[in-house]
Amino acid sequence: ACVFPNANVAGLTYHIGIHSGPCFGAVIGGNGAIFDLFGDTVNTASRTCSTAAVDSIQVSSVANGLILPRLREFVDPLPAVHMKGKGTMEVFGIRADADMDQPS
């Protein structure tokens, strides 16, 4: 379930941004090698996250188009936001009362 009753426990907050599209990954570094993702999709997801309100899930219009039909009732359009390097973009919010476990 995607239910967040009183998500602000002991000062802990969240904001999530979701986008979808092509990207590429690579292992970088020597001894402490890590795997990282690169590309415009990653940048847009990051911008979607950074413009999200505290304790919210915000998705781009691309990601919104991929949301399962049974979850559409939990998605609300939000005012367009200006994203650095992207311009004004349409975004959507997923309400915290979304129960992902309900059968369609």
N, C-alpha and C. Protein backbone atom coordinates (compact mmCIF):
# COMPACT_ATOMS: atom_id res chain seq x y z
N ALA A 1 0.84 -1.19 0.00
CA ALA A 1 0.00 0.00 0.00
C ALA A 1 0.88 1.24 0.00
N CYS A 2 0.37 2.29 -0.54
CA CYS A 2 1.08 3.56 -0.60
C CYS A 2 0.35 4.55 0.32
N VAL A 3 0.29 4.21 1.59
CA VAL A 3 -0.43 5.05 2.54
C VAL A 3 0.60 5.60 3.52
N PHE A 4 0.60 6.91 3.71
CA PHE A 4 1.58 7.55 4.57
C PHE A 4 0.90 8.32 5.70
N PRO A 5 0.28 7.61 6.65
CA PRO A 5 -0.33 8.36 7.74
C PRO A 5 0.77 8.95 8.61
N ASN A 6 0.70 10.24 8.86
CA ASN A 6 1.67 10.94 9.69
C ASN A 6 3.10 10.59 9.28
N ALA A 7 3.42 10.83 8.00
CA ALA A 7 4.74 10.49 7.47
C ALA A 7 5.86 11.29 8.13
N ASN A 8 5.53 12.40 8.75
CA ASN A 8 6.54 13.24 9.38
C ASN A 8 6.83 12.73 10.79
N VAL A 9 7.48 11.59 10.88
CA VAL A 9 7.82 10.98 12.15
C VAL A 9 9.23 11.43 12.54
N ALA A 10 9.37 11.99 13.71
CA ALA A 10 10.67 12.43 14.24
C ALA A 10 11.39 13.33 13.24
N GLY A 11 10.65 14.21 12.57
CA GLY A 11 11.27 15.16 11.65
C GLY A 11 11.64 14.59 10.30
N LEU A 12 11.32 13.34 10.05
CA LEU A 12 11.64 12.71 8.77
C LEU A 12 10.61 13.12 7.73
N THR A 13 11.06 13.64 6.62
CA THR A 13 10.16 14.02 5.53
C THR A 13 10.69 13.40 4.23
N TYR A 14 9.88 13.45 3.20
CA TYR A 14 10.28 12.91 1.90
C TYR A 14 9.70 13.79 0.80
N HIS A 15 10.28 13.71 -0.36
CA HIS A 15 9.68 14.21 -1.59
C HIS A 15 10.27 13.36 -2.70
N ILE A 16 9.39 12.88 -3.56
CA ILE A 16 9.76 11.91 -4.60
C ILE A 16 9.38 12.48 -5.95
N GLY A 17 10.29 12.38 -6.91
CA GLY A 17 10.02 12.78 -8.28
C GLY A 17 10.22 11.61 -9.22
N ILE A 18 9.28 11.40 -10.13
CA ILE A 18 9.34 10.26 -11.05
C ILE A 18 9.21 10.74 -12.48
N HIS A 19 10.10 10.24 -13.34
CA HIS A 19 10.07 10.52 -14.77
C HIS A 19 10.43 9.21 -15.47
N SER A 20 10.18 9.10 -16.74
CA SER A 20 10.50 7.89 -17.48
C SER A 20 11.10 8.24 -18.84
N GLY A 21 12.07 7.46 -19.27
CA GLY A 21 12.70 7.68 -20.57
C GLY A 21 14.04 6.97 -20.63
N PRO A 22 14.76 7.17 -21.73
CA PRO A 22 16.06 6.49 -21.89
C PRO A 22 17.14 7.10 -21.02
N CYS A 23 18.06 6.25 -20.59
CA CYS A 23 19.24 6.71 -19.86
C CYS A 23 20.32 5.66 -20.04
N PHE A 24 21.51 5.92 -19.58
CA PHE A 24 22.55 4.91 -19.64
C PHE A 24 23.28 4.88 -18.31
N GLY A 25 23.89 3.77 -18.03
CA GLY A 25 24.59 3.59 -16.77
C GLY A 25 26.01 3.14 -17.01
N ALA A 26 26.85 3.38 -16.03
CA ALA A 26 28.25 2.97 -16.12
C ALA A 26 28.81 2.79 -14.72
N VAL A 27 29.81 1.95 -14.64
CA VAL A 27 30.57 1.79 -13.40
C VAL A 27 31.67 2.84 -13.45
N ILE A 28 31.75 3.65 -12.41
CA ILE A 28 32.77 4.70 -12.35
C ILE A 28 33.61 4.53 -11.10
N GLY A 29 34.85 4.95 -11.18
CA GLY A 29 35.74 4.88 -10.02
C GLY A 29 36.67 3.69 -10.09
N GLY A 30 37.60 3.68 -9.17
CA GLY A 30 38.60 2.61 -9.10
C GLY A 30 38.26 1.63 -8.01
N ASN A 31 38.95 1.78 -6.86
CA ASN A 31 38.73 0.85 -5.73
C ASN A 31 37.31 0.91 -5.20
N GLY A 32 36.78 2.10 -5.09
CA GLY A 32 35.42 2.25 -4.58
C GLY A 32 34.43 2.44 -5.71
N ALA A 33 34.49 1.57 -6.72
CA ALA A 33 33.66 1.72 -7.91
C ALA A 33 32.17 1.69 -7.56
N ILE A 34 31.42 2.55 -8.23
CA ILE A 34 29.98 2.60 -8.05
C ILE A 34 29.30 2.61 -9.42
N PHE A 35 28.07 2.21 -9.44
CA PHE A 35 27.27 2.25 -10.66
C PHE A 35 26.45 3.52 -10.61
N ASP A 36 26.39 4.25 -11.72
CA ASP A 36 25.63 5.49 -11.76
C ASP A 36 24.84 5.57 -13.05
N LEU A 37 23.74 6.30 -13.02
CA LEU A 37 22.90 6.53 -14.20
C LEU A 37 23.11 7.95 -14.71
N PHE A 38 23.05 8.12 -16.04
CA PHE A 38 23.25 9.41 -16.67
C PHE A 38 22.19 9.63 -17.73
N GLY A 39 21.96 10.88 -18.07
CA GLY A 39 21.09 11.22 -19.18
C GLY A 39 20.02 12.22 -18.80
N ASP A 40 19.34 12.71 -19.82
CA ASP A 40 18.30 13.71 -19.62
C ASP A 40 17.17 13.18 -18.75
N THR A 41 16.86 11.91 -18.86
CA THR A 41 15.80 11.32 -18.04
C THR A 41 16.12 11.42 -16.56
N VAL A 42 17.37 11.13 -16.21
CA VAL A 42 17.80 11.22 -14.81
C VAL A 42 17.72 12.67 -14.33
N ASN A 43 18.16 13.60 -15.18
CA ASN A 43 18.11 15.02 -14.84
C ASN A 43 16.66 15.47 -14.62
N THR A 44 15.76 15.05 -15.51
CA THR A 44 14.35 15.45 -15.38
C THR A 44 13.73 14.85 -14.12
N ALA A 45 14.05 13.61 -13.80
CA ALA A 45 13.55 12.99 -12.56
C ALA A 45 14.05 13.75 -11.34
N SER A 46 15.30 14.16 -11.38
CA SER A 46 15.87 14.93 -10.28
C SER A 46 15.17 16.28 -10.14
N ARG A 47 14.92 16.95 -11.26
CA ARG A 47 14.23 18.25 -11.22
C ARG A 47 12.79 18.07 -10.74
N THR A 48 12.16 16.97 -11.15
CA THR A 48 10.79 16.69 -10.70
C THR A 48 10.77 16.49 -9.18
N CYS A 49 11.79 15.83 -8.67
CA CYS A 49 11.91 15.62 -7.23
C CYS A 49 12.17 16.94 -6.51
N SER A 50 13.08 17.74 -7.03
CA SER A 50 13.46 18.97 -6.31
C SER A 50 12.36 20.02 -6.31
N THR A 51 11.40 19.91 -7.22
CA THR A 51 10.29 20.87 -7.23
C THR A 51 9.05 20.33 -6.52
N ALA A 52 9.14 19.11 -6.01
CA ALA A 52 8.00 18.50 -5.31
C ALA A 52 7.86 19.10 -3.92
N ALA A 53 6.63 19.18 -3.45
CA ALA A 53 6.37 19.64 -2.09
C ALA A 53 6.86 18.59 -1.10
N VAL A 54 7.15 19.01 0.11
CA VAL A 54 7.55 18.08 1.16
C VAL A 54 6.43 17.09 1.41
N ASP A 55 6.80 15.85 1.65
CA ASP A 55 5.86 14.75 1.90
C ASP A 55 4.91 14.54 0.72
N SER A 56 5.46 14.55 -0.49
CA SER A 56 4.62 14.32 -1.67
C SER A 56 5.37 13.51 -2.72
N ILE A 57 4.59 12.94 -3.64
CA ILE A 57 5.12 12.23 -4.80
C ILE A 57 4.66 13.00 -6.02
N GLN A 58 5.62 13.44 -6.83
CA GLN A 58 5.31 14.23 -8.02
C GLN A 58 5.84 13.49 -9.24
N VAL A 59 5.03 13.40 -10.29
CA VAL A 59 5.44 12.72 -11.51
C VAL A 59 5.35 13.66 -12.70
N SER A 60 6.20 13.43 -13.69
CA SER A 60 6.17 14.22 -14.92
C SER A 60 4.99 13.79 -15.78
N SER A 61 4.70 14.56 -16.81
CA SER A 61 3.60 14.18 -17.70
C SER A 61 3.90 12.87 -18.41
N VAL A 62 5.18 12.61 -18.71
CA VAL A 62 5.57 11.34 -19.34
C VAL A 62 5.26 10.18 -18.41
N ALA A 63 5.69 10.28 -17.16
CA ALA A 63 5.43 9.21 -16.19
C ALA A 63 3.94 9.07 -15.93
N ASN A 64 3.22 10.18 -15.90
CA ASN A 64 1.78 10.13 -15.70
C ASN A 64 1.11 9.30 -16.79
N GLY A 65 1.60 9.39 -18.02
CA GLY A 65 1.03 8.62 -19.12
C GLY A 65 1.25 7.12 -18.98
N LEU A 66 2.16 6.72 -18.10
CA LEU A 66 2.46 5.30 -17.90
C LEU A 66 1.79 4.69 -16.67
N ILE A 67 1.10 5.52 -15.90
CA ILE A 67 0.46 5.04 -14.68
C ILE A 67 -0.70 4.11 -15.03
N LEU A 68 -0.79 3.02 -14.30
CA LEU A 68 -1.85 2.03 -14.54
C LEU A 68 -3.23 2.67 -14.44
N PRO A 69 -4.14 2.28 -15.32
CA PRO A 69 -5.49 2.86 -15.29
C PRO A 69 -6.17 2.76 -13.93
N ARG A 70 -5.94 1.69 -13.19
CA ARG A 70 -6.60 1.52 -11.89
C ARG A 70 -6.08 2.50 -10.84
N LEU A 71 -4.96 3.16 -11.12
CA LEU A 71 -4.42 4.13 -10.17
C LEU A 71 -4.69 5.57 -10.55
N ARG A 72 -5.30 5.79 -11.70
CA ARG A 72 -5.55 7.15 -12.19
C ARG A 72 -6.38 7.99 -11.23
N GLU A 73 -7.26 7.34 -10.48
CA GLU A 73 -8.10 8.11 -9.56
C GLU A 73 -7.29 8.77 -8.44
N PHE A 74 -6.05 8.34 -8.24
CA PHE A 74 -5.21 8.90 -7.19
C PHE A 74 -4.23 9.95 -7.71
N VAL A 75 -4.31 10.27 -8.99
CA VAL A 75 -3.39 11.23 -9.61
C VAL A 75 -4.12 12.54 -9.87
N ASP A 76 -3.55 13.63 -9.40
CA ASP A 76 -4.15 14.95 -9.58
C ASP A 76 -3.19 15.86 -10.34
N PRO A 77 -3.70 16.65 -11.29
CA PRO A 77 -2.82 17.62 -11.94
C PRO A 77 -2.41 18.69 -10.93
N LEU A 78 -1.17 19.12 -11.03
CA LEU A 78 -0.65 20.19 -10.18
C LEU A 78 -0.34 21.39 -11.06
N PRO A 79 -0.19 22.55 -10.46
CA PRO A 79 0.22 23.70 -11.27
C PRO A 79 1.57 23.42 -11.94
N ALA A 80 1.72 23.88 -13.18
CA ALA A 80 2.98 23.69 -13.90
C ALA A 80 4.12 24.32 -13.09
N VAL A 81 5.28 23.72 -13.16
CA VAL A 81 6.43 24.22 -12.41
C VAL A 81 7.57 24.56 -13.37
N HIS A 82 8.37 25.53 -12.98
CA HIS A 82 9.56 25.86 -13.76
C HIS A 82 10.70 25.01 -13.24
N MET A 83 11.33 24.25 -14.15
CA MET A 83 12.45 23.41 -13.78
C MET A 83 13.71 23.96 -14.44
N LYS A 84 14.73 24.16 -13.63
CA LYS A 84 15.99 24.70 -14.11
C LYS A 84 16.49 23.90 -15.31
N GLY A 85 16.76 24.59 -16.39
CA GLY A 85 17.27 23.94 -17.59
C GLY A 85 16.21 23.24 -18.42
N LYS A 86 14.97 23.24 -17.95
CA LYS A 86 13.89 22.53 -18.64
C LYS A 86 12.76 23.46 -19.07
N GLY A 87 12.60 24.56 -18.37
CA GLY A 87 11.47 25.45 -18.63
C GLY A 87 10.28 25.03 -17.79
N THR A 88 9.10 25.46 -18.22
CA THR A 88 7.87 25.14 -17.50
C THR A 88 7.39 23.76 -17.91
N MET A 89 7.11 22.92 -16.92
CA MET A 89 6.68 21.55 -17.20
C MET A 89 5.40 21.21 -16.44
N GLU A 90 4.58 20.41 -17.08
CA GLU A 90 3.35 19.92 -16.47
C GLU A 90 3.71 18.77 -15.53
N VAL A 91 3.17 18.80 -14.31
CA VAL A 91 3.44 17.75 -13.33
C VAL A 91 2.13 17.31 -12.68
N PHE A 92 2.19 16.15 -12.06
CA PHE A 92 1.03 15.55 -11.41
C PHE A 92 1.44 15.04 -10.04
N GLY A 93 0.50 14.99 -9.12
CA GLY A 93 0.77 14.48 -7.78
C GLY A 93 0.02 13.20 -7.53
N ILE A 94 0.67 12.28 -6.85
CA ILE A 94 0.01 11.03 -6.44
C ILE A 94 -0.41 11.22 -4.99
N ARG A 95 -1.71 11.11 -4.74
CA ARG A 95 -2.23 11.29 -3.39
C ARG A 95 -1.78 10.15 -2.48
N ALA A 96 -1.57 10.47 -1.23
CA ALA A 96 -1.07 9.50 -0.26
C ALA A 96 -2.11 8.44 0.09
N ASP A 97 -3.39 8.63 -0.29
CA ASP A 97 -4.39 7.61 0.03
C ASP A 97 -4.46 6.52 -1.04
N ALA A 98 -3.52 6.51 -1.98
CA ALA A 98 -3.50 5.50 -3.03
C ALA A 98 -3.19 4.14 -2.44
N ASP A 99 -4.07 3.17 -2.61
CA ASP A 99 -3.87 1.81 -2.12
C ASP A 99 -3.45 0.94 -3.29
N MET A 100 -2.15 0.73 -3.44
CA MET A 100 -1.60 -0.03 -4.56
C MET A 100 -1.96 -1.50 -4.51
N ASP A 101 -2.42 -1.98 -3.34
CA ASP A 101 -2.70 -3.40 -3.19
C ASP A 101 -4.10 -3.81 -3.61
N GLN A 102 -4.96 -2.84 -3.89
CA GLN A 102 -6.34 -3.15 -4.28
C GLN A 102 -6.35 -3.78 -5.67
N PRO A 103 -7.09 -4.86 -5.86
CA PRO A 103 -7.18 -5.46 -7.21
C PRO A 103 -7.91 -4.54 -8.15
N SER A 104 -7.57 -4.63 -9.44
CA SER A 104 -8.22 -3.74 -10.43
C SER A 104 -9.59 -4.23 -10.81
